[in-house]
Amino acid sequence: MKKKLFIDFDGVLNPYDNWQSNSDRFKPLPGTKEFLKKLGENYEIYVFTTKDKEEVYKWLIRYFLDDYIRDVTNQKESADLYIKDRVIKFGL
C-alpha cells in the first residue's frame, strides 16, 4: 500500500504569485512532471489548495499532470508527508 502525501498547489507545483482566479497565467515549475512521477512510485498524491477544485483539475489536465494526482482537496487530513512552500520551524 502506498503512503499518503499532500502537496501544496501554489509555490510547489506552480510559481505562486497571489493567484486569484486565472490559472492560465501559471505554468508548472520546471521538473514538476518528473517530480510527481517519481513521488507517485511510493505515494498516493493529493493536491492541497484553497483554490477552486475544478480550476485546479483543469490546470492539471492542461499540463498532463492529472495522472499523478489522486484528488484535489482543501481538507487537511493525516498523511505520511506534506510538501509545502512556506514552513516555519519552531525549535530544533
N, C-alpha and C. Protein backbone atom coordinates (compact mmCIF):
# COMPACT_ATOMS: atom_id res chain seq x y z
N MET A 1 0.83 -1.18 0.00
CA MET A 1 0.00 0.00 0.00
C MET A 1 0.88 1.26 0.00
N LYS A 2 0.53 2.20 -0.85
CA LYS A 2 1.30 3.44 -0.94
C LYS A 2 0.99 4.35 0.24
N LYS A 3 1.97 5.15 0.59
CA LYS A 3 1.80 6.15 1.64
C LYS A 3 1.03 7.34 1.07
N LYS A 4 0.45 8.13 1.96
CA LYS A 4 -0.35 9.29 1.56
C LYS A 4 0.48 10.56 1.66
N LEU A 5 0.46 11.36 0.58
CA LEU A 5 1.23 12.60 0.50
C LEU A 5 0.31 13.74 0.08
N PHE A 6 0.40 14.85 0.78
CA PHE A 6 -0.30 16.06 0.39
C PHE A 6 0.73 17.06 -0.10
N ILE A 7 0.46 17.63 -1.28
CA ILE A 7 1.40 18.59 -1.87
C ILE A 7 0.66 19.90 -2.12
N ASP A 8 1.27 20.98 -1.72
CA ASP A 8 0.68 22.30 -1.89
C ASP A 8 0.68 22.67 -3.37
N PHE A 9 -0.40 23.29 -3.81
CA PHE A 9 -0.51 23.69 -5.21
C PHE A 9 0.34 24.93 -5.50
N ASP A 10 0.05 26.02 -4.80
CA ASP A 10 0.76 27.27 -5.04
C ASP A 10 2.15 27.25 -4.43
N GLY A 11 3.13 27.56 -5.24
CA GLY A 11 4.50 27.64 -4.76
C GLY A 11 5.25 26.33 -4.80
N VAL A 12 4.56 25.23 -5.05
CA VAL A 12 5.22 23.93 -5.17
C VAL A 12 5.04 23.39 -6.59
N LEU A 13 3.81 23.40 -7.08
CA LEU A 13 3.57 22.95 -8.45
C LEU A 13 3.62 24.10 -9.45
N ASN A 14 3.39 25.30 -8.99
CA ASN A 14 3.43 26.48 -9.86
C ASN A 14 4.12 27.63 -9.12
N PRO A 15 4.57 28.64 -9.85
CA PRO A 15 5.22 29.80 -9.21
C PRO A 15 4.17 30.73 -8.62
N TYR A 16 3.87 30.56 -7.34
CA TYR A 16 2.83 31.33 -6.67
C TYR A 16 3.06 32.82 -6.80
N ASP A 17 2.00 33.52 -7.22
CA ASP A 17 2.06 34.97 -7.35
C ASP A 17 0.70 35.55 -7.03
N ASN A 18 0.17 35.16 -5.86
CA ASN A 18 -1.15 35.63 -5.43
C ASN A 18 -2.23 35.37 -6.47
N TRP A 19 -2.26 34.15 -7.00
CA TRP A 19 -3.25 33.75 -7.99
C TRP A 19 -4.65 33.98 -7.45
N GLN A 20 -5.44 34.72 -8.17
CA GLN A 20 -6.81 35.00 -7.75
C GLN A 20 -7.80 34.08 -8.45
N SER A 21 -7.68 33.90 -9.77
CA SER A 21 -8.64 33.05 -10.45
C SER A 21 -8.17 32.54 -11.80
N ASN A 22 -7.29 33.23 -12.49
CA ASN A 22 -6.92 32.88 -13.84
C ASN A 22 -5.74 31.91 -13.87
N SER A 23 -6.04 30.61 -13.95
CA SER A 23 -4.99 29.60 -13.91
C SER A 23 -4.15 29.58 -15.18
N ASP A 24 -4.61 30.25 -16.24
CA ASP A 24 -3.83 30.29 -17.48
C ASP A 24 -2.51 31.02 -17.29
N ARG A 25 -2.41 31.85 -16.27
CA ARG A 25 -1.20 32.64 -16.05
C ARG A 25 -0.04 31.80 -15.55
N PHE A 26 -0.31 30.65 -14.97
CA PHE A 26 0.73 29.89 -14.31
C PHE A 26 1.04 28.58 -15.01
N LYS A 27 2.27 28.41 -15.36
CA LYS A 27 2.72 27.13 -15.91
C LYS A 27 3.38 26.37 -14.75
N PRO A 28 3.48 25.06 -14.87
CA PRO A 28 4.16 24.30 -13.81
C PRO A 28 5.62 24.73 -13.69
N LEU A 29 6.14 24.62 -12.49
CA LEU A 29 7.56 24.87 -12.29
C LEU A 29 8.36 23.84 -13.08
N PRO A 30 9.55 24.18 -13.53
CA PRO A 30 10.37 23.21 -14.26
C PRO A 30 10.58 21.93 -13.44
N GLY A 31 10.41 20.79 -14.08
CA GLY A 31 10.63 19.49 -13.43
C GLY A 31 9.43 18.95 -12.67
N THR A 32 8.29 19.68 -12.72
CA THR A 32 7.11 19.25 -11.95
C THR A 32 6.63 17.86 -12.35
N LYS A 33 6.54 17.60 -13.63
CA LYS A 33 6.03 16.30 -14.09
C LYS A 33 6.93 15.16 -13.60
N GLU A 34 8.22 15.33 -13.74
CA GLU A 34 9.17 14.29 -13.31
C GLU A 34 9.12 14.11 -11.79
N PHE A 35 8.96 15.22 -11.06
CA PHE A 35 8.85 15.21 -9.61
C PHE A 35 7.64 14.40 -9.17
N LEU A 36 6.47 14.67 -9.78
CA LEU A 36 5.25 13.95 -9.43
C LEU A 36 5.34 12.48 -9.82
N LYS A 37 5.92 12.21 -10.97
CA LYS A 37 6.07 10.83 -11.42
C LYS A 37 6.90 10.03 -10.42
N LYS A 38 8.00 10.60 -9.98
CA LYS A 38 8.88 9.93 -9.01
C LYS A 38 8.17 9.74 -7.67
N LEU A 39 7.51 10.78 -7.18
CA LEU A 39 6.78 10.67 -5.93
C LEU A 39 5.68 9.61 -6.01
N GLY A 40 5.04 9.53 -7.18
CA GLY A 40 3.94 8.59 -7.38
C GLY A 40 4.35 7.13 -7.29
N GLU A 41 5.63 6.85 -7.37
CA GLU A 41 6.10 5.47 -7.23
C GLU A 41 5.86 4.94 -5.82
N ASN A 42 5.90 5.83 -4.84
CA ASN A 42 5.77 5.41 -3.44
C ASN A 42 4.62 6.07 -2.69
N TYR A 43 4.02 7.10 -3.28
CA TYR A 43 2.99 7.86 -2.59
C TYR A 43 1.72 8.00 -3.43
N GLU A 44 0.60 8.04 -2.73
CA GLU A 44 -0.67 8.44 -3.30
C GLU A 44 -0.72 9.96 -3.10
N ILE A 45 -0.77 10.73 -4.20
CA ILE A 45 -0.59 12.18 -4.13
C ILE A 45 -1.93 12.92 -4.16
N TYR A 46 -2.10 13.80 -3.18
CA TYR A 46 -3.26 14.68 -3.08
C TYR A 46 -2.77 16.11 -3.17
N VAL A 47 -3.41 16.93 -4.00
CA VAL A 47 -3.07 18.34 -4.07
C VAL A 47 -3.92 19.07 -3.05
N PHE A 48 -3.26 19.83 -2.18
CA PHE A 48 -3.95 20.62 -1.18
C PHE A 48 -3.95 22.07 -1.62
N THR A 49 -5.15 22.68 -1.66
CA THR A 49 -5.26 24.07 -2.07
C THR A 49 -6.58 24.66 -1.59
N THR A 50 -6.61 25.97 -1.45
CA THR A 50 -7.86 26.65 -1.16
C THR A 50 -8.48 27.19 -2.45
N LYS A 51 -7.80 26.98 -3.55
CA LYS A 51 -8.31 27.42 -4.85
C LYS A 51 -9.49 26.54 -5.27
N ASP A 52 -10.23 26.99 -6.27
CA ASP A 52 -11.36 26.24 -6.80
C ASP A 52 -10.89 24.89 -7.34
N LYS A 53 -11.47 23.83 -6.83
CA LYS A 53 -11.06 22.47 -7.18
C LYS A 53 -11.15 22.21 -8.69
N GLU A 54 -12.22 22.67 -9.32
CA GLU A 54 -12.40 22.46 -10.76
C GLU A 54 -11.32 23.17 -11.57
N GLU A 55 -10.98 24.40 -11.17
CA GLU A 55 -9.92 25.15 -11.86
C GLU A 55 -8.57 24.45 -11.73
N VAL A 56 -8.30 23.91 -10.55
CA VAL A 56 -7.03 23.21 -10.34
C VAL A 56 -6.99 21.94 -11.18
N TYR A 57 -8.10 21.19 -11.23
CA TYR A 57 -8.14 19.99 -12.09
C TYR A 57 -7.92 20.36 -13.55
N LYS A 58 -8.53 21.44 -14.02
CA LYS A 58 -8.33 21.88 -15.40
C LYS A 58 -6.85 22.18 -15.66
N TRP A 59 -6.22 22.83 -14.69
CA TRP A 59 -4.80 23.16 -14.80
C TRP A 59 -3.97 21.88 -14.87
N LEU A 60 -4.26 20.92 -14.01
CA LEU A 60 -3.52 19.65 -14.01
C LEU A 60 -3.68 18.93 -15.35
N ILE A 61 -4.89 18.91 -15.86
CA ILE A 61 -5.16 18.26 -17.16
C ILE A 61 -4.42 18.99 -18.28
N ARG A 62 -4.48 20.32 -18.28
CA ARG A 62 -3.84 21.12 -19.33
C ARG A 62 -2.35 20.80 -19.45
N TYR A 63 -1.72 20.53 -18.31
CA TYR A 63 -0.28 20.27 -18.32
C TYR A 63 0.07 18.79 -18.15
N PHE A 64 -0.92 17.92 -18.36
CA PHE A 64 -0.72 16.46 -18.33
C PHE A 64 -0.15 15.97 -17.00
N LEU A 65 -0.66 16.54 -15.91
CA LEU A 65 -0.21 16.15 -14.57
C LEU A 65 -1.27 15.38 -13.80
N ASP A 66 -2.47 15.33 -14.34
CA ASP A 66 -3.60 14.72 -13.62
C ASP A 66 -3.43 13.22 -13.36
N ASP A 67 -2.66 12.52 -14.18
CA ASP A 67 -2.46 11.08 -13.98
C ASP A 67 -1.73 10.76 -12.69
N TYR A 68 -1.03 11.74 -12.15
CA TYR A 68 -0.23 11.50 -10.94
C TYR A 68 -0.96 11.87 -9.65
N ILE A 69 -2.14 12.48 -9.80
CA ILE A 69 -2.86 13.03 -8.66
C ILE A 69 -4.10 12.19 -8.34
N ARG A 70 -4.21 11.80 -7.08
CA ARG A 70 -5.38 11.04 -6.61
C ARG A 70 -6.60 11.93 -6.45
N ASP A 71 -6.39 13.15 -5.89
CA ASP A 71 -7.50 14.06 -5.68
C ASP A 71 -6.97 15.46 -5.38
N VAL A 72 -7.85 16.44 -5.52
CA VAL A 72 -7.57 17.82 -5.14
C VAL A 72 -8.52 18.14 -4.00
N THR A 73 -7.99 18.71 -2.92
CA THR A 73 -8.81 18.95 -1.75
C THR A 73 -8.38 20.19 -0.99
N ASN A 74 -9.30 20.71 -0.18
CA ASN A 74 -8.96 21.81 0.73
C ASN A 74 -9.03 21.30 2.17
N GLN A 75 -9.15 20.01 2.35
CA GLN A 75 -9.24 19.39 3.67
C GLN A 75 -7.88 18.82 4.08
N LYS A 76 -7.37 19.27 5.20
CA LYS A 76 -6.12 18.70 5.71
C LYS A 76 -6.45 17.42 6.45
N GLU A 77 -5.82 16.37 6.02
CA GLU A 77 -6.02 15.07 6.64
C GLU A 77 -4.68 14.56 7.13
N SER A 78 -4.71 13.49 7.89
CA SER A 78 -3.46 12.90 8.28
C SER A 78 -2.80 12.28 7.07
N ALA A 79 -1.50 12.46 7.01
CA ALA A 79 -0.74 11.97 5.87
C ALA A 79 0.66 11.60 6.34
N ASP A 80 1.34 10.84 5.51
CA ASP A 80 2.72 10.46 5.81
C ASP A 80 3.69 11.60 5.52
N LEU A 81 3.29 12.49 4.61
CA LEU A 81 4.18 13.57 4.21
C LEU A 81 3.37 14.74 3.67
N TYR A 82 3.79 15.95 4.01
CA TYR A 82 3.26 17.18 3.44
C TYR A 82 4.41 17.89 2.76
N ILE A 83 4.18 18.40 1.56
CA ILE A 83 5.17 19.21 0.86
C ILE A 83 4.54 20.58 0.66
N LYS A 84 5.16 21.61 1.27
CA LYS A 84 4.63 22.97 1.21
C LYS A 84 5.75 23.94 0.86
N ASP A 85 5.35 25.10 0.39
CA ASP A 85 6.35 26.11 0.03
C ASP A 85 6.71 27.02 1.18
N ARG A 86 5.87 27.12 2.18
CA ARG A 86 6.14 28.01 3.31
C ARG A 86 6.04 27.23 4.61
N VAL A 87 7.13 27.21 5.31
CA VAL A 87 7.16 26.46 6.56
C VAL A 87 7.94 27.26 7.60
N ILE A 88 7.41 27.32 8.78
CA ILE A 88 8.12 27.92 9.90
C ILE A 88 8.44 26.79 10.87
N LYS A 89 9.70 26.62 11.16
CA LYS A 89 10.11 25.57 12.08
C LYS A 89 10.33 26.18 13.46
N PHE A 90 9.81 25.54 14.46
CA PHE A 90 9.98 26.01 15.83
C PHE A 90 10.88 25.05 16.58
N GLY A 91 11.97 25.58 17.11
CA GLY A 91 12.90 24.76 17.87
C GLY A 91 13.57 23.68 17.01
N LEU A 92 14.66 23.23 17.41
CA LEU A 92 15.34 22.15 16.69
C LEU A 92 16.11 21.28 17.64
